[in-house]
C-alpha atoms as a PDB file:
ATOM      1  CA  MET A   1      33.904-119.858  15.655  1.00  0.00           C
ATOM      2  CA  ARG A   2      33.387-123.507  16.926  1.00  0.00           C
ATOM      3  CA  SER A   3      33.453-126.071  14.218  1.00  0.00           C
ATOM      4  CA  GLY A   4      31.713-129.600  14.586  1.00  0.00           C
ATOM      5  CA  SER A   5      29.257-130.608  16.522  1.00  0.00           C
ATOM      6  CA  LEU A   6      28.294-133.497  18.950  1.00  0.00           C
ATOM      7  CA  HIS A   7      24.463-133.368  17.932  1.00  0.00           C
ATOM      8  CA  SER A   8      24.389-133.206  14.176  1.00  0.00           C
ATOM      9  CA  ALA A   9      25.541-135.759  11.870  1.00  0.00           C
ATOM     10  CA  SER A  10      26.975-133.389   9.565  1.00  0.00           C
ATOM     11  CA  PRO A  11      29.679-130.836  10.247  1.00  0.00           C
ATOM     12  CA  SER A  12      28.918-127.146  11.457  1.00  0.00           C
ATOM     13  CA  ILE A  13      30.378-123.796  11.708  1.00  0.00           C
ATOM     14  CA  THR A  14      29.257-121.468  14.707  1.00  0.00           C
ATOM     15  CA  VAL A  15      30.044-117.707  14.092  1.00  0.00           C
ATOM     16  CA  ARG A  16      29.041-114.776  16.491  1.00  0.00           C
ATOM     17  CA  PRO A  17      28.526-111.819  14.506  1.00  0.00           C
ATOM     18  CA  SER A  18      27.605-108.314  15.735  1.00  0.00           C
ATOM     19  CA  ALA A  19      24.214-107.030  15.827  1.00  0.00           C
ATOM     20  CA  GLU A  20      24.630-105.062  13.079  1.00  0.00           C
ATOM     21  CA  GLU A  21      26.875-107.413  10.845  1.00  0.00           C
ATOM     22  CA  LYS A  22      23.473-110.095  11.727  1.00  0.00           C
ATOM     23  CA  ARG A  23      21.173-107.252  10.681  1.00  0.00           C
ATOM     24  CA  LEU A  24      23.052-106.772   7.304  1.00  0.00           C
ATOM     25  CA  PHE A  25      23.502-110.582   6.949  1.00  0.00           C
ATOM     26  CA  THR A  26      19.761-111.218   7.158  1.00  0.00           C
ATOM     27  CA  ALA A  27      18.814-108.454   5.071  1.00  0.00           C
ATOM     28  CA  LEU A  28      21.273-109.773   2.148  1.00  0.00           C
ATOM     29  CA  ALA A  29      19.718-113.522   2.295  1.00  0.00           C
ATOM     30  CA  ALA A  30      16.275-111.926   2.128  1.00  0.00           C
ATOM     31  CA  LYS A  31      17.305-109.976  -0.827  1.00  0.00           C
ATOM     32  CA  ARG A  32      18.777-112.812  -2.226  1.00  0.00           C
ATOM     33  CA  GLY A  33      15.736-114.860  -1.794  1.00  0.00           C
ATOM     34  CA  THR A  34      17.691-117.622   0.268  1.00  0.00           C
ATOM     35  CA  THR A  35      18.125-118.371   4.059  1.00  0.00           C
ATOM     36  CA  GLU A  36      21.092-117.103   6.275  1.00  0.00           C
ATOM     37  CA  ALA A  37      22.133-120.730   6.378  1.00  0.00           C
ATOM     38  CA  LYS A  38      22.625-121.161   2.619  1.00  0.00           C
ATOM     39  CA  LEU A  39      24.006-117.605   2.060  1.00  0.00           C
ATOM     40  CA  ALA A  40      26.722-118.688   4.992  1.00  0.00           C
ATOM     41  CA  LEU A  41      27.696-121.866   2.861  1.00  0.00           C
ATOM     42  CA  ILE A  42      28.001-119.942  -0.274  1.00  0.00           C
ATOM     43  CA  ALA A  43      30.053-117.799   1.429  1.00  0.00           C
ATOM     44  CA  VAL A  44      32.270-120.433   2.962  1.00  0.00           C
ATOM     45  CA  ARG A  45      32.937-122.345  -0.405  1.00  0.00           C
ATOM     46  CA  ALA A  46      33.449-119.074  -2.506  1.00  0.00           C
ATOM     47  CA  LEU A  47      36.105-118.356   0.065  1.00  0.00           C
ATOM     48  CA  LEU A  48      37.636-122.124  -0.301  1.00  0.00           C
ATOM     49  CA  ARG A  49      37.457-122.133  -3.940  1.00  0.00           C
ATOM     50  CA  ASP A  50      39.302-118.452  -3.944  1.00  0.00           C
ATOM     51  CA  ASN A  51      42.232-119.232  -1.670  1.00  0.00           C
ATOM     52  CA  CYS A  52      42.963-122.914  -1.954  1.00  0.00           C
ATOM     53  CA  PRO A  53      46.200-122.763  -3.987  1.00  0.00           C
ATOM     54  CA  ASN A  54      45.919-126.544  -5.471  1.00  0.00           C
ATOM     55  CA  GLY A  55      41.810-126.192  -5.965  1.00  0.00           C
ATOM     56  CA  LEU A  56      39.496-127.913  -3.537  1.00  0.00           C
ATOM     57  CA  PRO A  57      40.541-131.622  -2.602  1.00  0.00           C
ATOM     58  CA  SER A  58      39.006-134.035  -5.086  1.00  0.00           C
ATOM     59  CA  ASP A  59      37.168-135.944  -2.380  1.00  0.00           C
ATOM     60  CA  MET A  60      35.475-133.191  -0.880  1.00  0.00           C
ATOM     61  CA  PRO A  61      31.556-133.424  -2.378  1.00  0.00           C
ATOM     62  CA  VAL A  62      30.397-130.920  -4.703  1.00  0.00           C
ATOM     63  CA  GLN A  63      26.974-129.538  -3.705  1.00  0.00           C
ATOM     64  CA  ALA A  64      24.992-129.915  -6.949  1.00  0.00           C
ATOM     65  CA  HIS A  65      21.875-127.693  -5.328  1.00  0.00           C
ATOM     66  CA  ASP A  66      24.014-124.441  -4.906  1.00  0.00           C
ATOM     67  CA  ALA A  67      22.683-121.168  -5.449  1.00  0.00           C
ATOM     68  CA  GLY A  68      23.654-119.230  -8.420  1.00  0.00           C
ATOM     69  CA  THR A  69      26.308-117.031  -8.156  1.00  0.00           C
ATOM     70  CA  ASP A  70      27.321-115.917 -11.454  1.00  0.00           C
ATOM     71  CA  ARG A  71      25.415-112.463 -12.489  1.00  0.00           C
ATOM     72  CA  ILE A  72      24.634-110.871 -15.964  1.00  0.00           C
ATOM     73  CA  THR A  73      22.999-107.827 -16.552  1.00  0.00           C
ATOM     74  CA  ILE A  74      20.970-107.268 -19.891  1.00  0.00           C
ATOM     75  CA  ARG A  75      18.886-104.709 -21.674  1.00  0.00           C
ATOM     76  CA  LEU A  76      15.416-105.426 -22.682  1.00  0.00           C
ATOM     77  CA  ARG A  77      13.437-103.761 -25.211  1.00  0.00           C
ATOM     78  CA  PRO A  78      10.470-101.893 -24.353  1.00  0.00           C
ATOM     79  CA  GLY A  79       7.969-104.491 -23.915  1.00  0.00           C
ATOM     80  CA  ASP A  80      10.279-107.335 -23.266  1.00  0.00           C
ATOM     81  CA  LEU A  81       9.840-107.461 -19.482  1.00  0.00           C
ATOM     82  CA  ARG A  82       6.316-107.649 -19.534  1.00  0.00           C
ATOM     83  CA  ALA A  83       6.564-110.580 -22.146  1.00  0.00           C
ATOM     84  CA  ILE A  84       9.010-112.257 -20.163  1.00  0.00           C
ATOM     85  CA  ALA A  85       6.705-111.969 -16.856  1.00  0.00           C
ATOM     86  CA  ASN A  86       3.553-113.382 -18.673  1.00  0.00           C
ATOM     87  CA  ARG A  87       5.369-116.357 -20.074  1.00  0.00           C
ATOM     88  CA  ALA A  88       7.077-116.881 -16.845  1.00  0.00           C
ATOM     89  CA  ALA A  89       3.534-116.484 -14.928  1.00  0.00           C
ATOM     90  CA  ALA A  90       2.141-119.114 -17.358  1.00  0.00           C
ATOM     91  CA  ARG A  91       4.503-121.339 -16.286  1.00  0.00           C
ATOM     92  CA  HIS A  92       4.335-120.843 -12.601  1.00  0.00           C
ATOM     93  CA  THR A  93       7.938-119.254 -12.341  1.00  0.00           C
ATOM     94  CA  ARG A  94       9.291-116.152 -11.578  1.00  0.00           C
ATOM     95  CA  PRO A  95      10.693-114.317 -14.327  1.00  0.00           C
ATOM     96  CA  SER A  96      14.713-114.508 -13.508  1.00  0.00           C
ATOM     97  CA  THR A  97      14.018-118.303 -13.062  1.00  0.00           C
ATOM     98  CA  TYR A  98      12.377-118.692 -16.061  1.00  0.00           C
ATOM     99  CA  ILE A  99      15.385-116.770 -18.271  1.00  0.00           C
ATOM    100  CA  ALA A 100      17.997-118.999 -16.078  1.00  0.00           C
ATOM    101  CA  ALA A 101      16.128-122.255 -17.175  1.00  0.00           C
ATOM    102  CA  LEU A 102      15.850-120.545 -20.755  1.00  0.00           C
ATOM    103  CA  VAL A 103      19.436-120.346 -20.724  1.00  0.00           C
ATOM    104  CA  ARG A 104      20.709-123.354 -18.795  1.00  0.00           C
ATOM    105  CA  GLY A 105      18.354-125.322 -21.619  1.00  0.00           C
ATOM    106  CA  HIS A 106      20.349-123.636 -24.384  1.00  0.00           C
ATOM    107  CA  LEU A 107      23.865-124.070 -22.976  1.00  0.00           C
ATOM    108  CA  ALA A 108      23.041-127.804 -21.996  1.00  0.00           C
ATOM    109  CA  ARG A 109      21.446-128.576 -25.474  1.00  0.00           C
ATOM    110  CA  ASN A 110      18.149-128.167 -26.874  1.00  0.00           C
ATOM    111  CA  PRO A 111      15.883-125.317 -25.270  1.00  0.00           C
ATOM    112  CA  PRO A 112      13.168-126.935 -22.679  1.00  0.00           C
ATOM    113  CA  LEU A 113       9.394-126.902 -23.650  1.00  0.00           C
ATOM    114  CA  THR A 114       6.568-126.514 -21.368  1.00  0.00           C
ATOM    115  CA  ALA A 115       4.288-129.259 -20.319  1.00  0.00           C
ATOM    116  CA  ALA A 116       1.730-128.042 -22.695  1.00  0.00           C
ATOM    117  CA  GLU A 117       4.252-127.901 -25.464  1.00  0.00           C
ATOM    118  CA  LEU A 118       5.545-131.327 -24.738  1.00  0.00           C
ATOM    119  CA  ASP A 119       1.929-132.525 -25.004  1.00  0.00           C
ATOM    120  CA  ALA A 120       1.113-131.028 -28.220  1.00  0.00           C
ATOM    121  CA  PHE A 121       4.551-132.432 -29.921  1.00  0.00           C
ATOM    122  CA  LYS A 122       3.567-135.543 -28.314  1.00  0.00           C
ATOM    123  CA  LYS A 123       0.344-135.612 -30.383  1.00  0.00           C
ATOM    124  CA  ALA A 124       2.040-134.200 -33.131  1.00  0.00           C
ATOM    125  CA  ILE A 125       4.461-137.445 -33.133  1.00  0.00           C
ATOM    126  CA  VAL A 126       1.284-139.510 -33.249  1.00  0.00           C
ATOM    127  CA  VAL A 127      -0.202-137.724 -36.127  1.00  0.00           C
ATOM    128  CA  LEU A 128       3.135-137.896 -38.121  1.00  0.00           C
ATOM    129  CA  ALA A 129       3.493-141.625 -37.323  1.00  0.00           C
ATOM    130  CA  GLY A 130      -0.178-141.969 -39.072  1.00  0.00           C
ATOM    131  CA  CYS A 131       0.753-139.876 -41.978  1.00  0.00           C
ATOM    132  CA  GLY A 132       3.973-141.924 -42.041  1.00  0.00           C
ATOM    133  CA  THR A 133       2.107-145.344 -42.365  1.00  0.00           C
ATOM    134  CA  LEU A 134      -0.493-143.846 -44.489  1.00  0.00           C
ATOM    135  CA  ALA A 135       2.040-142.671 -47.493  1.00  0.00           C
ATOM    136  CA  SER A 136       3.458-146.090 -47.392  1.00  0.00           C
ATOM    137  CA  GLN A 137       0.223-147.895 -47.751  1.00  0.00           C
ATOM    138  CA  THR A 138      -0.893-145.745 -50.309  1.00  0.00           C
ATOM    139  CA  LEU A 139       2.653-146.294 -52.063  1.00  0.00           C
ATOM    140  CA  ARG A 140       2.002-150.266 -51.721  1.00  0.00           C
ATOM    141  CA  THR A 141      -1.471-150.048 -53.181  1.00  0.00           C
ATOM    142  CA  ILE A 142      -0.385-147.816 -56.611  1.00  0.00           C
ATOM    143  CA  PRO A 143      -0.884-150.116 -59.638  1.00  0.00           C
ATOM    144  CA  GLY A 144       2.186-150.625 -60.910  1.00  0.00           C
ATOM    145  CA  ASP A 145       1.088-150.366 -64.954  1.00  0.00           C
ATOM    146  CA  SER A 146      -0.242-146.804 -63.799  1.00  0.00           C
ATOM    147  CA  ALA A 147       0.598-144.034 -66.418  1.00  0.00           C
ATOM    148  CA  ASP A 148       2.328-141.762 -63.206  1.00  0.00           C
ATOM    149  CA  TRP A 149       3.000-144.659 -61.156  1.00  0.00           C
ATOM    150  CA  ALA A 150       6.749-143.588 -61.259  1.00  0.00           C
ATOM    151  CA  GLU A 151       6.225-140.157 -60.324  1.00  0.00           C
ATOM    152  CA  ARG A 152       3.409-140.559 -57.546  1.00  0.00           C
ATOM    153  CA  SER A 153       6.008-143.443 -56.470  1.00  0.00           C
ATOM    154  CA  ARG A 154       8.789-140.939 -55.853  1.00  0.00           C
ATOM    155  CA  GLN A 155       6.361-138.158 -54.567  1.00  0.00           C
ATOM    156  CA  LEU A 156       5.286-140.720 -51.694  1.00  0.00           C
ATOM    157  CA  ALA A 157       8.438-141.987 -51.018  1.00  0.00           C
ATOM    158  CA  ALA A 158       9.976-138.520 -50.591  1.00  0.00           C
ATOM    159  CA  LEU A 159       6.913-137.435 -48.375  1.00  0.00           C
ATOM    160  CA  GLN A 160       7.322-140.781 -46.131  1.00  0.00           C
ATOM    161  CA  ALA A 161      10.919-140.128 -45.950  1.00  0.00           C
ATOM    162  CA  ALA A 162      10.374-136.679 -44.978  1.00  0.00           C
ATOM    163  CA  VAL A 163       7.678-137.639 -42.264  1.00  0.00           C
ATOM    164  CA  THR A 164      10.186-140.379 -40.644  1.00  0.00           C
ATOM    165  CA  ALA A 165      12.679-137.755 -40.298  1.00  0.00           C
ATOM    166  CA  LEU A 166      10.561-135.116 -39.052  1.00  0.00           C
ATOM    167  CA  GLU A 167       8.979-137.541 -36.555  1.00  0.00           C
ATOM    168  CA  GLU A 168      12.489-138.653 -35.011  1.00  0.00           C
ATOM    169  CA  ARG A 169      13.597-135.164 -34.975  1.00  0.00           C
ATOM    170  CA  MET A 170      10.532-134.062 -32.841  1.00  0.00           C
ATOM    171  CA  HIS A 171      11.189-137.126 -30.583  1.00  0.00           C
ATOM    172  CA  ASP A 172      14.698-136.113 -30.187  1.00  0.00           C
ATOM    173  CA  LEU A 173      13.387-132.642 -29.106  1.00  0.00           C
ATOM    174  CA  VAL A 174      10.862-134.103 -26.610  1.00  0.00           C
ATOM    175  CA  TYR A 175      13.298-136.387 -25.065  1.00  0.00           C
ATOM    176  CA  GLU A 176      15.950-133.418 -24.805  1.00  0.00           C
ATOM    177  CA  SER A 177      13.441-131.194 -23.462  1.00  0.00           C
ATOM    178  CA  LEU A 178      12.150-133.720 -20.794  1.00  0.00           C
ATOM    179  CA  ARG A 179      16.048-134.055 -19.627  1.00  0.00           C
ATOM    180  CA  SER A 180      16.491-130.430 -19.446  1.00  0.00           C
ATOM    181  CA  TRP A 181      13.370-129.844 -17.161  1.00  0.00           C
ATOM    182  CA  GLU A 182      13.772-132.949 -15.142  1.00  0.00           C
ATOM    183  CA  SER A 183      17.423-131.780 -14.732  1.00  0.00           C
ATOM    184  CA  ASN A 184      18.503-129.446 -11.612  1.00  0.00           C
ATOM    185  CA  TYR A 185      18.239-126.599 -14.296  1.00  0.00           C
ATOM    186  CA  ALA A 186      14.879-125.034 -13.617  1.00  0.00           C
END
């Protein structure tokens, strides 16, 4: 094994496997949907992580885009896989990527929304803001001497507070969803 290279800016390791080892490694990389180089780097990092007695040095850079290595098996109900595949296709992704993004989104904070869902929420926020403004204006125009002024005033104030709270919650949900999708989770 040769370490380092005079022609490259980053360090490298060269190995010479047997023809059979090379064939098996190539097949494994293809099965995992990655390149041989990425798979080899995953193996090196796992070996270092598992064999360094004091952990990895703190100045060792951590690669943000490592392929996931943790696995989980779940049992689906009949029809679930088809539904997952349909939702993943609607989002232009593979079912496994779709499920992983959902899980990561839930773990990180709130579940991510798709672009269409984000647009719908943004439009709903505009409508809610208009409803809040309308409730506020209506509240100001009710005559103070009206027989049911106190009750209408209380109802409109409650409506305005509810609309404002819902608008804020929707805004937070959209923000968290955007943050989740724009992260490296997807």
